[in-house]
PDB file of all heavy atoms in Angstrom:
ATOM      1  N   GLY A   1     -21.286 -27.140  -8.373  1.00  0.00           N
ATOM      2  CA  GLY A   1     -21.824 -25.806  -8.616  1.00  0.00           C
ATOM      3  C   GLY A   1     -21.553 -24.916  -7.414  1.00  0.00           C
ATOM      4  O   GLY A   1     -21.313 -25.393  -6.311  1.00  0.00           O
ATOM      5  N   VAL A   2     -21.584 -23.619  -7.638  1.00  0.00           N
ATOM      6  CA  VAL A   2     -21.381 -22.644  -6.562  1.00  0.00           C
ATOM      7  C   VAL A   2     -22.521 -21.644  -6.610  1.00  0.00           C
ATOM      8  O   VAL A   2     -22.808 -21.061  -7.665  1.00  0.00           O
ATOM      9  CB  VAL A   2     -20.029 -21.912  -6.711  1.00  0.00           C
ATOM     10  CG1 VAL A   2     -19.886 -20.853  -5.615  1.00  0.00           C
ATOM     11  CG2 VAL A   2     -18.871 -22.897  -6.643  1.00  0.00           C
ATOM     12  N   GLY A   3     -23.195 -21.461  -5.478  1.00  0.00           N
ATOM     13  CA  GLY A   3     -24.322 -20.536  -5.411  1.00  0.00           C
ATOM     14  C   GLY A   3     -24.202 -19.577  -4.248  1.00  0.00           C
ATOM     15  O   GLY A   3     -23.329 -19.710  -3.383  1.00  0.00           O
ATOM     16  N   PHE A   4     -25.103 -18.621  -4.205  1.00  0.00           N
ATOM     17  CA  PHE A   4     -25.137 -17.665  -3.102  1.00  0.00           C
ATOM     18  C   PHE A   4     -25.405 -18.386  -1.780  1.00  0.00           C
ATOM     19  O   PHE A   4     -26.022 -19.452  -1.760  1.00  0.00           O
ATOM     20  CB  PHE A   4     -26.225 -16.619  -3.322  1.00  0.00           C
ATOM     21  CG  PHE A   4     -25.995 -15.742  -4.517  1.00  0.00           C
ATOM     22  CD1 PHE A   4     -26.935 -15.666  -5.527  1.00  0.00           C
ATOM     23  CD2 PHE A   4     -24.841 -14.974  -4.630  1.00  0.00           C
ATOM     24  CE1 PHE A   4     -26.740 -14.849  -6.633  1.00  0.00           C
ATOM     25  CE2 PHE A   4     -24.628 -14.157  -5.730  1.00  0.00           C
ATOM     26  CZ  PHE A   4     -25.577 -14.099  -6.733  1.00  0.00           C
ATOM     27  N   LEU A   5     -24.970 -17.784  -0.700  1.00  0.00           N
ATOM     28  CA  LEU A   5     -25.257 -18.320   0.627  1.00  0.00           C
ATOM     29  C   LEU A   5     -26.767 -18.318   0.863  1.00  0.00           C
ATOM     30  O   LEU A   5     -27.398 -17.251   0.844  1.00  0.00           O
ATOM     31  CB  LEU A   5     -24.571 -17.464   1.691  1.00  0.00           C
ATOM     32  CG  LEU A   5     -24.946 -17.764   3.146  1.00  0.00           C
ATOM     33  CD1 LEU A   5     -24.385 -19.114   3.572  1.00  0.00           C
ATOM     34  CD2 LEU A   5     -24.452 -16.652   4.070  1.00  0.00           C
ATOM     35  N   PRO A   6     -27.390 -19.476   1.094  1.00  0.00           N
ATOM     36  CA  PRO A   6     -28.818 -19.481   1.431  1.00  0.00           C
ATOM     37  C   PRO A   6     -29.032 -18.804   2.780  1.00  0.00           C
ATOM     38  O   PRO A   6     -28.188 -18.903   3.688  1.00  0.00           O
ATOM     39  CB  PRO A   6     -29.162 -20.976   1.491  1.00  0.00           C
ATOM     40  CG  PRO A   6     -28.082 -21.652   0.704  1.00  0.00           C
ATOM     41  CD  PRO A   6     -26.847 -20.835   0.952  1.00  0.00           C
ATOM     42  N   GLY A   7     -30.163 -18.115   2.921  1.00  0.00           N
ATOM     43  CA  GLY A   7     -30.400 -17.413   4.169  1.00  0.00           C
ATOM     44  C   GLY A   7     -31.856 -17.077   4.377  1.00  0.00           C
ATOM     45  O   GLY A   7     -32.733 -17.556   3.651  1.00  0.00           O
ATOM     46  N   PRO A   8     -32.133 -16.236   5.370  1.00  0.00           N
ATOM     47  CA  PRO A   8     -33.516 -15.928   5.744  1.00  0.00           C
ATOM     48  C   PRO A   8     -34.215 -14.927   4.836  1.00  0.00           C
ATOM     49  O   PRO A   8     -35.355 -14.566   5.098  1.00  0.00           O
ATOM     50  CB  PRO A   8     -33.348 -15.348   7.163  1.00  0.00           C
ATOM     51  CG  PRO A   8     -31.983 -14.762   7.171  1.00  0.00           C
ATOM     52  CD  PRO A   8     -31.151 -15.658   6.303  1.00  0.00           C
ATOM     53  N   SER A   9     -33.541 -14.469   3.784  1.00  0.00           N
ATOM     54  CA  SER A   9     -34.183 -13.561   2.838  1.00  0.00           C
ATOM     55  C   SER A   9     -33.749 -13.929   1.430  1.00  0.00           C
ATOM     56  O   SER A   9     -32.828 -14.719   1.233  1.00  0.00           O
ATOM     57  CB  SER A   9     -33.781 -12.107   3.127  1.00  0.00           C
ATOM     58  OG  SER A   9     -32.465 -11.856   2.678  1.00  0.00           O
ATOM     59  N   ASP A  10     -34.424 -13.338   0.447  1.00  0.00           N
ATOM     60  CA  ASP A  10     -34.079 -13.636  -0.945  1.00  0.00           C
ATOM     61  C   ASP A  10     -33.092 -12.617  -1.506  1.00  0.00           C
ATOM     62  O   ASP A  10     -32.897 -12.537  -2.713  1.00  0.00           O
ATOM     63  CB  ASP A  10     -35.332 -13.708  -1.816  1.00  0.00           C
ATOM     64  CG  ASP A  10     -36.130 -12.405  -1.801  1.00  0.00           C
ATOM     65  OD1 ASP A  10     -35.675 -11.422  -1.174  1.00  0.00           O
ATOM     66  OD2 ASP A  10     -37.217 -12.379  -2.408  1.00  0.00           O
ATOM     67  N   GLN A  11     -32.462 -11.833  -0.633  1.00  0.00           N
ATOM     68  CA  GLN A  11     -31.438 -10.882  -1.050  1.00  0.00           C
ATOM     69  C   GLN A  11     -30.080 -11.573  -1.011  1.00  0.00           C
ATOM     70  O   GLN A  11     -29.588 -11.934   0.057  1.00  0.00           O
ATOM     71  CB  GLN A  11     -31.421  -9.669  -0.121  1.00  0.00           C
ATOM     72  CG  GLN A  11     -30.237  -8.719  -0.328  1.00  0.00           C
ATOM     73  CD  GLN A  11     -30.283  -8.017  -1.669  1.00  0.00           C
ATOM     74  OE1 GLN A  11     -31.345  -7.656  -2.149  1.00  0.00           O
ATOM     75  NE2 GLN A  11     -29.132  -7.812  -2.272  1.00  0.00           N
ATOM     76  N   PRO A  12     -29.447 -11.800  -2.169  1.00  0.00           N
ATOM     77  CA  PRO A  12     -28.150 -12.495  -2.179  1.00  0.00           C
ATOM     78  C   PRO A  12     -27.025 -11.576  -1.699  1.00  0.00           C
ATOM     79  O   PRO A  12     -26.314 -10.955  -2.484  1.00  0.00           O
ATOM     80  CB  PRO A  12     -27.973 -12.881  -3.643  1.00  0.00           C
ATOM     81  CG  PRO A  12     -28.731 -11.837  -4.398  1.00  0.00           C
ATOM     82  CD  PRO A  12     -29.902 -11.465  -3.527  1.00  0.00           C
ATOM     83  N   ALA A  13     -26.891 -11.473  -0.385  1.00  0.00           N
ATOM     84  CA  ALA A  13     -25.877 -10.587   0.190  1.00  0.00           C
ATOM     85  C   ALA A  13     -25.168 -11.313   1.324  1.00  0.00           C
ATOM     86  O   ALA A  13     -25.732 -12.198   1.970  1.00  0.00           O
ATOM     87  CB  ALA A  13     -26.516  -9.299   0.697  1.00  0.00           C
ATOM     88  N   ALA A  14     -23.926 -10.916   1.554  1.00  0.00           N
ATOM     89  CA  ALA A  14     -23.145 -11.537   2.626  1.00  0.00           C
ATOM     90  C   ALA A  14     -22.229 -10.499   3.247  1.00  0.00           C
ATOM     91  O   ALA A  14     -21.947  -9.451   2.663  1.00  0.00           O
ATOM     92  CB  ALA A  14     -22.319 -12.711   2.093  1.00  0.00           C
ATOM     93  N   GLN A  15     -21.783 -10.793   4.451  1.00  0.00           N
ATOM     94  CA  GLN A  15     -20.804  -9.957   5.126  1.00  0.00           C
ATOM     95  C   GLN A  15     -19.404 -10.401   4.742  1.00  0.00           C
ATOM     96  O   GLN A  15     -19.192 -11.523   4.287  1.00  0.00           O
ATOM     97  CB  GLN A  15     -21.002 -10.039   6.640  1.00  0.00           C
ATOM     98  CG  GLN A  15     -22.345  -9.489   7.098  1.00  0.00           C
ATOM     99  CD  GLN A  15     -22.648  -9.802   8.547  1.00  0.00           C
ATOM    100  OE1 GLN A  15     -22.083 -10.730   9.120  1.00  0.00           O
ATOM    101  NE2 GLN A  15     -23.549  -9.038   9.147  1.00  0.00           N
ATOM    102  N   VAL A  16     -18.459  -9.497   4.940  1.00  0.00           N
ATOM    103  CA  VAL A  16     -17.084  -9.724   4.489  1.00  0.00           C
ATOM    104  C   VAL A  16     -16.322 -10.666   5.401  1.00  0.00           C
ATOM    105  O   VAL A  16     -16.402 -10.588   6.621  1.00  0.00           O
ATOM    106  CB  VAL A  16     -16.347  -8.374   4.396  1.00  0.00           C
ATOM    107  CG1 VAL A  16     -14.848  -8.568   4.270  1.00  0.00           C
ATOM    108  CG2 VAL A  16     -16.871  -7.578   3.211  1.00  0.00           C
ATOM    109  N   GLY A  17     -15.558 -11.560   4.782  1.00  0.00           N
ATOM    110  CA  GLY A  17     -14.579 -12.371   5.493  1.00  0.00           C
ATOM    111  C   GLY A  17     -13.206 -12.065   4.930  1.00  0.00           C
ATOM    112  O   GLY A  17     -13.066 -11.311   3.971  1.00  0.00           O
ATOM    113  N   GLY A  18     -12.187 -12.664   5.496  1.00  0.00           N
ATOM    114  CA  GLY A  18     -10.841 -12.420   5.006  1.00  0.00           C
ATOM    115  C   GLY A  18     -10.061 -11.536   5.952  1.00  0.00           C
ATOM    116  O   GLY A  18     -10.222 -11.620   7.172  1.00  0.00           O
ATOM    117  N   ALA A  19      -9.234 -10.657   5.420  1.00  0.00           N
ATOM    118  CA  ALA A  19      -8.374  -9.836   6.270  1.00  0.00           C
ATOM    119  C   ALA A  19      -8.012  -8.534   5.585  1.00  0.00           C
ATOM    120  O   ALA A  19      -8.257  -8.346   4.391  1.00  0.00           O
ATOM    121  CB  ALA A  19      -7.109 -10.608   6.646  1.00  0.00           C
ATOM    122  N   ALA A  20      -7.407  -7.630   6.384  1.00  0.00           N
ATOM    123  CA  ALA A  20      -7.012  -6.317   5.891  1.00  0.00           C
ATOM    124  C   ALA A  20      -5.570  -6.030   6.287  1.00  0.00           C
ATOM    125  O   ALA A  20      -4.980  -6.706   7.133  1.00  0.00           O
ATOM    126  CB  ALA A  20      -7.932  -5.234   6.456  1.00  0.00           C
ATOM    127  N   LEU A  21      -5.018  -5.002   5.684  1.00  0.00           N
ATOM    128  CA  LEU A  21      -3.647  -4.569   5.957  1.00  0.00           C
ATOM    129  C   LEU A  21      -3.675  -3.480   7.024  1.00  0.00           C
ATOM    130  O   LEU A  21      -4.376  -2.472   6.884  1.00  0.00           O
ATOM    131  CB  LEU A  21      -3.005  -4.050   4.674  1.00  0.00           C
ATOM    132  CG  LEU A  21      -2.818  -5.115   3.589  1.00  0.00           C
ATOM    133  CD1 LEU A  21      -2.722  -4.475   2.216  1.00  0.00           C
ATOM    134  CD2 LEU A  21      -1.586  -5.962   3.880  1.00  0.00           C
ATOM    135  N   TRP A  22      -2.904  -3.696   8.093  1.00  0.00           N
ATOM    136  CA  TRP A  22      -2.819  -2.789   9.223  1.00  0.00           C
ATOM    137  C   TRP A  22      -1.384  -2.276   9.341  1.00  0.00           C
ATOM    138  O   TRP A  22      -0.426  -3.031   9.156  1.00  0.00           O
ATOM    139  CB  TRP A  22      -3.185  -3.501  10.520  1.00  0.00           C
ATOM    140  CG  TRP A  22      -4.589  -4.032  10.581  1.00  0.00           C
ATOM    141  CD1 TRP A  22      -5.085  -5.138   9.951  1.00  0.00           C
ATOM    142  CD2 TRP A  22      -5.677  -3.498  11.333  1.00  0.00           C
ATOM    143  NE1 TRP A  22      -6.408  -5.320  10.252  1.00  0.00           N
ATOM    144  CE2 TRP A  22      -6.798  -4.327  11.111  1.00  0.00           C
ATOM    145  CE3 TRP A  22      -5.805  -2.402  12.187  1.00  0.00           C
ATOM    146  CZ2 TRP A  22      -8.031  -4.090  11.704  1.00  0.00           C
ATOM    147  CZ3 TRP A  22      -7.035  -2.168  12.783  1.00  0.00           C
ATOM    148  CH2 TRP A  22      -8.133  -3.005  12.541  1.00  0.00           C
ATOM    149  N   ILE A  23      -1.228  -1.004   9.701  1.00  0.00           N
ATOM    150  CA  ILE A  23       0.095  -0.398   9.847  1.00  0.00           C
ATOM    151  C   ILE A  23       0.398  -0.169  11.329  1.00  0.00           C
ATOM    152  O   ILE A  23      -0.216   0.700  11.959  1.00  0.00           O
ATOM    153  CB  ILE A  23       0.183   0.934   9.084  1.00  0.00           C
ATOM    154  CG1 ILE A  23      -0.101   0.713   7.598  1.00  0.00           C
ATOM    155  CG2 ILE A  23       1.558   1.578   9.276  1.00  0.00           C
ATOM    156  CD1 ILE A  23      -0.093   1.991   6.771  1.00  0.00           C
ATOM    157  N   PRO A  24       1.309  -0.936  11.914  1.00  0.00           N
ATOM    158  CA  PRO A  24       1.663  -0.727  13.321  1.00  0.00           C
ATOM    159  C   PRO A  24       2.272   0.658  13.548  1.00  0.00           C
ATOM    160  O   PRO A  24       3.002   1.184  12.698  1.00  0.00           O
ATOM    161  CB  PRO A  24       2.692  -1.831  13.597  1.00  0.00           C
ATOM    162  CG  PRO A  24       2.363  -2.901  12.604  1.00  0.00           C
ATOM    163  CD  PRO A  24       1.951  -2.140  11.370  1.00  0.00           C
ATOM    164  N   ALA A  25       1.985   1.234  14.689  1.00  0.00           N
ATOM    165  CA  ALA A  25       2.549   2.531  15.052  1.00  0.00           C
ATOM    166  C   ALA A  25       3.902   2.323  15.739  1.00  0.00           C
ATOM    167  O   ALA A  25       4.359   1.194  15.930  1.00  0.00           O
ATOM    168  CB  ALA A  25       1.588   3.272  15.987  1.00  0.00           C
ATOM    169  N   ASP A  26       4.542   3.440  16.087  1.00  0.00           N
ATOM    170  CA  ASP A  26       5.804   3.423  16.841  1.00  0.00           C
ATOM    171  C   ASP A  26       6.965   2.821  16.061  1.00  0.00           C
ATOM    172  O   ASP A  26       7.999   2.493  16.657  1.00  0.00           O
ATOM    173  CB  ASP A  26       5.647   2.676  18.177  1.00  0.00           C
ATOM    174  CG  ASP A  26       4.590   3.328  19.071  1.00  0.00           C
ATOM    175  OD1 ASP A  26       4.497   4.560  19.048  1.00  0.00           O
ATOM    176  OD2 ASP A  26       3.868   2.595  19.758  1.00  0.00           O
ATOM    177  N   LYS A  27       6.809   2.670  14.756  1.00  0.00           N
ATOM    178  CA  LYS A  27       7.931   2.188  13.936  1.00  0.00           C
ATOM    179  C   LYS A  27       8.638   3.366  13.263  1.00  0.00           C
ATOM    180  O   LYS A  27       9.645   3.179  12.582  1.00  0.00           O
ATOM    181  CB  LYS A  27       7.440   1.199  12.876  1.00  0.00           C
ATOM    182  CG  LYS A  27       6.697  -0.018  13.424  1.00  0.00           C
ATOM    183  CD  LYS A  27       7.581  -0.900  14.274  1.00  0.00           C
ATOM    184  CE  LYS A  27       8.609  -1.622  13.449  1.00  0.00           C
ATOM    185  NZ  LYS A  27       9.397  -2.582  14.247  1.00  0.00           N
ATOM    186  N   GLY A  28       8.081   4.547  13.429  1.00  0.00           N
ATOM    187  CA  GLY A  28       8.665   5.737  12.814  1.00  0.00           C
ATOM    188  C   GLY A  28       7.912   6.162  11.578  1.00  0.00           C
ATOM    189  O   GLY A  28       7.295   5.343  10.883  1.00  0.00           O
ATOM    190  N   ASP A  29       7.961   7.452  11.276  1.00  0.00           N
ATOM    191  CA  ASP A  29       7.239   7.992  10.129  1.00  0.00           C
ATOM    192  C   ASP A  29       7.704   7.390   8.807  1.00  0.00           C
ATOM    193  O   ASP A  29       6.903   7.144   7.904  1.00  0.00           O
ATOM    194  CB  ASP A  29       7.400   9.516  10.081  1.00  0.00           C
ATOM    195  CG  ASP A  29       6.630  10.227  11.184  1.00  0.00           C
ATOM    196  OD1 ASP A  29       5.750   9.582  11.794  1.00  0.00           O
ATOM    197  OD2 ASP A  29       6.913  11.410  11.438  1.00  0.00           O
ATOM    198  N   VAL A  30       9.004   7.162   8.685  1.00  0.00           N
ATOM    199  CA  VAL A  30       9.534   6.618   7.429  1.00  0.00           C
ATOM    200  C   VAL A  30       9.018   5.202   7.210  1.00  0.00           C
ATOM    201  O   VAL A  30       8.602   4.831   6.103  1.00  0.00           O
ATOM    202  CB  VAL A  30      11.079   6.650   7.439  1.00  0.00           C
ATOM    203  CG1 VAL A  30      11.630   5.897   6.228  1.00  0.00           C
ATOM    204  CG2 VAL A  30      11.585   8.085   7.437  1.00  0.00           C
ATOM    205  N   ALA A  31       9.031   4.389   8.270  1.00  0.00           N
ATOM    206  CA  ALA A  31       8.555   3.008   8.153  1.00  0.00           C
ATOM    207  C   ALA A  31       7.072   2.977   7.806  1.00  0.00           C
ATOM    208  O   ALA A  31       6.635   2.179   6.957  1.00  0.00           O
ATOM    209  CB  ALA A  31       8.820   2.254   9.453  1.00  0.00           C
ATOM    210  N   SER A  32       6.289   3.832   8.455  1.00  0.00           N
ATOM    211  CA  SER A  32       4.853   3.868   8.167  1.00  0.00           C
ATOM    212  C   SER A  32       4.595   4.319   6.734  1.00  0.00           C
ATOM    213  O   SER A  32       3.714   3.780   6.053  1.00  0.00           O
ATOM    214  CB  SER A  32       4.146   4.815   9.139  1.00  0.00           C
ATOM    215  OG  SER A  32       4.222   4.332  10.466  1.00  0.00           O
ATOM    216  N   ALA A  33       5.372   5.291   6.278  1.00  0.00           N
ATOM    217  CA  ALA A  33       5.223   5.765   4.906  1.00  0.00           C
ATOM    218  C   ALA A  33       5.576   4.673   3.911  1.00  0.00           C
ATOM    219  O   ALA A  33       4.914   4.513   2.870  1.00  0.00           O
ATOM    220  CB  ALA A  33       6.105   6.996   4.672  1.00  0.00           C
ATOM    221  N   ALA A  34       6.619   3.900   4.210  1.00  0.00           N
ATOM    222  CA  ALA A  34       7.025   2.807   3.330  1.00  0.00           C
ATOM    223  C   ALA A  34       5.956   1.713   3.301  1.00  0.00           C
ATOM    224  O   ALA A  34       5.640   1.157   2.237  1.00  0.00           O
ATOM    225  CB  ALA A  34       8.361   2.238   3.794  1.00  0.00           C
ATOM    226  N   ALA A  35       5.396   1.397   4.463  1.00  0.00           N
ATOM    227  CA  ALA A  35       4.337   0.393   4.527  1.00  0.00           C
ATOM    228  C   ALA A  35       3.125   0.849   3.718  1.00  0.00           C
ATOM    229  O   ALA A  35       2.514   0.067   2.978  1.00  0.00           O
ATOM    230  CB  ALA A  35       3.945   0.133   5.980  1.00  0.00           C
ATOM    231  N   TRP A  36       2.779   2.131   3.842  1.00  0.00           N
ATOM    232  CA  TRP A  36       1.641   2.656   3.103  1.00  0.00           C
ATOM    233  C   TRP A  36       1.870   2.584   1.600  1.00  0.00           C
ATOM    234  O   TRP A  36       0.941   2.318   0.834  1.00  0.00           O
ATOM    235  CB  TRP A  36       1.343   4.085   3.530  1.00  0.00           C
ATOM    236  CG  TRP A  36       0.261   4.733   2.721  1.00  0.00           C
ATOM    237  CD1 TRP A  36       0.379   5.769   1.856  1.00  0.00           C
ATOM    238  CD2 TRP A  36      -1.126   4.352   2.693  1.00  0.00           C
ATOM    239  NE1 TRP A  36      -0.836   6.072   1.285  1.00  0.00           N
ATOM    240  CE2 TRP A  36      -1.781   5.221   1.777  1.00  0.00           C
ATOM    241  CE3 TRP A  36      -1.869   3.378   3.345  1.00  0.00           C
ATOM    242  CZ2 TRP A  36      -3.138   5.132   1.512  1.00  0.00           C
ATOM    243  CZ3 TRP A  36      -3.234   3.281   3.070  1.00  0.00           C
ATOM    244  CH2 TRP A  36      -3.851   4.146   2.172  1.00  0.00           C
ATOM    245  N   LYS A  37       3.081   2.783   1.170  1.00  0.00           N
ATOM    246  CA  LYS A  37       3.402   2.714  -0.257  1.00  0.00           C
ATOM    247  C   LYS A  37       3.083   1.320  -0.809  1.00  0.00           C
ATOM    248  O   LYS A  37       2.558   1.170  -1.915  1.00  0.00           O
ATOM    249  CB  LYS A  37       4.879   3.053  -0.482  1.00  0.00           C
ATOM    250  CG  LYS A  37       5.278   3.247  -1.950  1.00  0.00           C
ATOM    251  CD  LYS A  37       6.737   3.636  -2.058  1.00  0.00           C
ATOM    252  CE  LYS A  37       7.145   3.892  -3.515  1.00  0.00           C
ATOM    253  NZ  LYS A  37       6.528   5.134  -4.040  1.00  0.00           N
ATOM    254  N   PHE A  38       3.384   0.285  -0.032  1.00  0.00           N
ATOM    255  CA  PHE A  38       3.076  -1.079  -0.462  1.00  0.00           C
ATOM    256  C   PHE A  38       1.571  -1.332  -0.412  1.00  0.00           C
ATOM    257  O   PHE A  38       1.013  -2.023  -1.283  1.00  0.00           O
ATOM    258  CB  PHE A  38       3.819  -2.088   0.408  1.00  0.00           C
ATOM    259  CG  PHE A  38       3.688  -3.511  -0.065  1.00  0.00           C
ATOM    260  CD1 PHE A  38       3.893  -3.850  -1.401  1.00  0.00           C
ATOM    261  CD2 PHE A  38       3.371  -4.533   0.825  1.00  0.00           C
ATOM    262  CE1 PHE A  38       3.777  -5.169  -1.839  1.00  0.00           C
ATOM    263  CE2 PHE A  38       3.259  -5.846   0.397  1.00  0.00           C
ATOM    264  CZ  PHE A  38       3.462  -6.170  -0.927  1.00  0.00           C
ATOM    265  N   VAL A  39       0.896  -0.791   0.604  1.00  0.00           N
ATOM    266  CA  VAL A  39      -0.556  -0.926   0.688  1.00  0.00           C
ATOM    267  C   VAL A  39      -1.212  -0.321  -0.546  1.00  0.00           C
ATOM    268  O   VAL A  39      -2.141  -0.895  -1.133  1.00  0.00           O
ATOM    269  CB  VAL A  39      -1.098  -0.249   1.965  1.00  0.00           C
ATOM    270  CG1 VAL A  39      -2.631  -0.206   1.948  1.00  0.00           C
ATOM    271  CG2 VAL A  39      -0.608  -0.981   3.206  1.00  0.00           C
TER     272      VAL A  39
END
């Protein structure tokens, strides 16, 4: 079975894990625009 994270309150809430997409600078406007298109 899978349940909510047990904790110090009865509010079933959690903080985010995982990762996000970041766009490096200094690659040029065209490269940043292309990266954003994929994002």
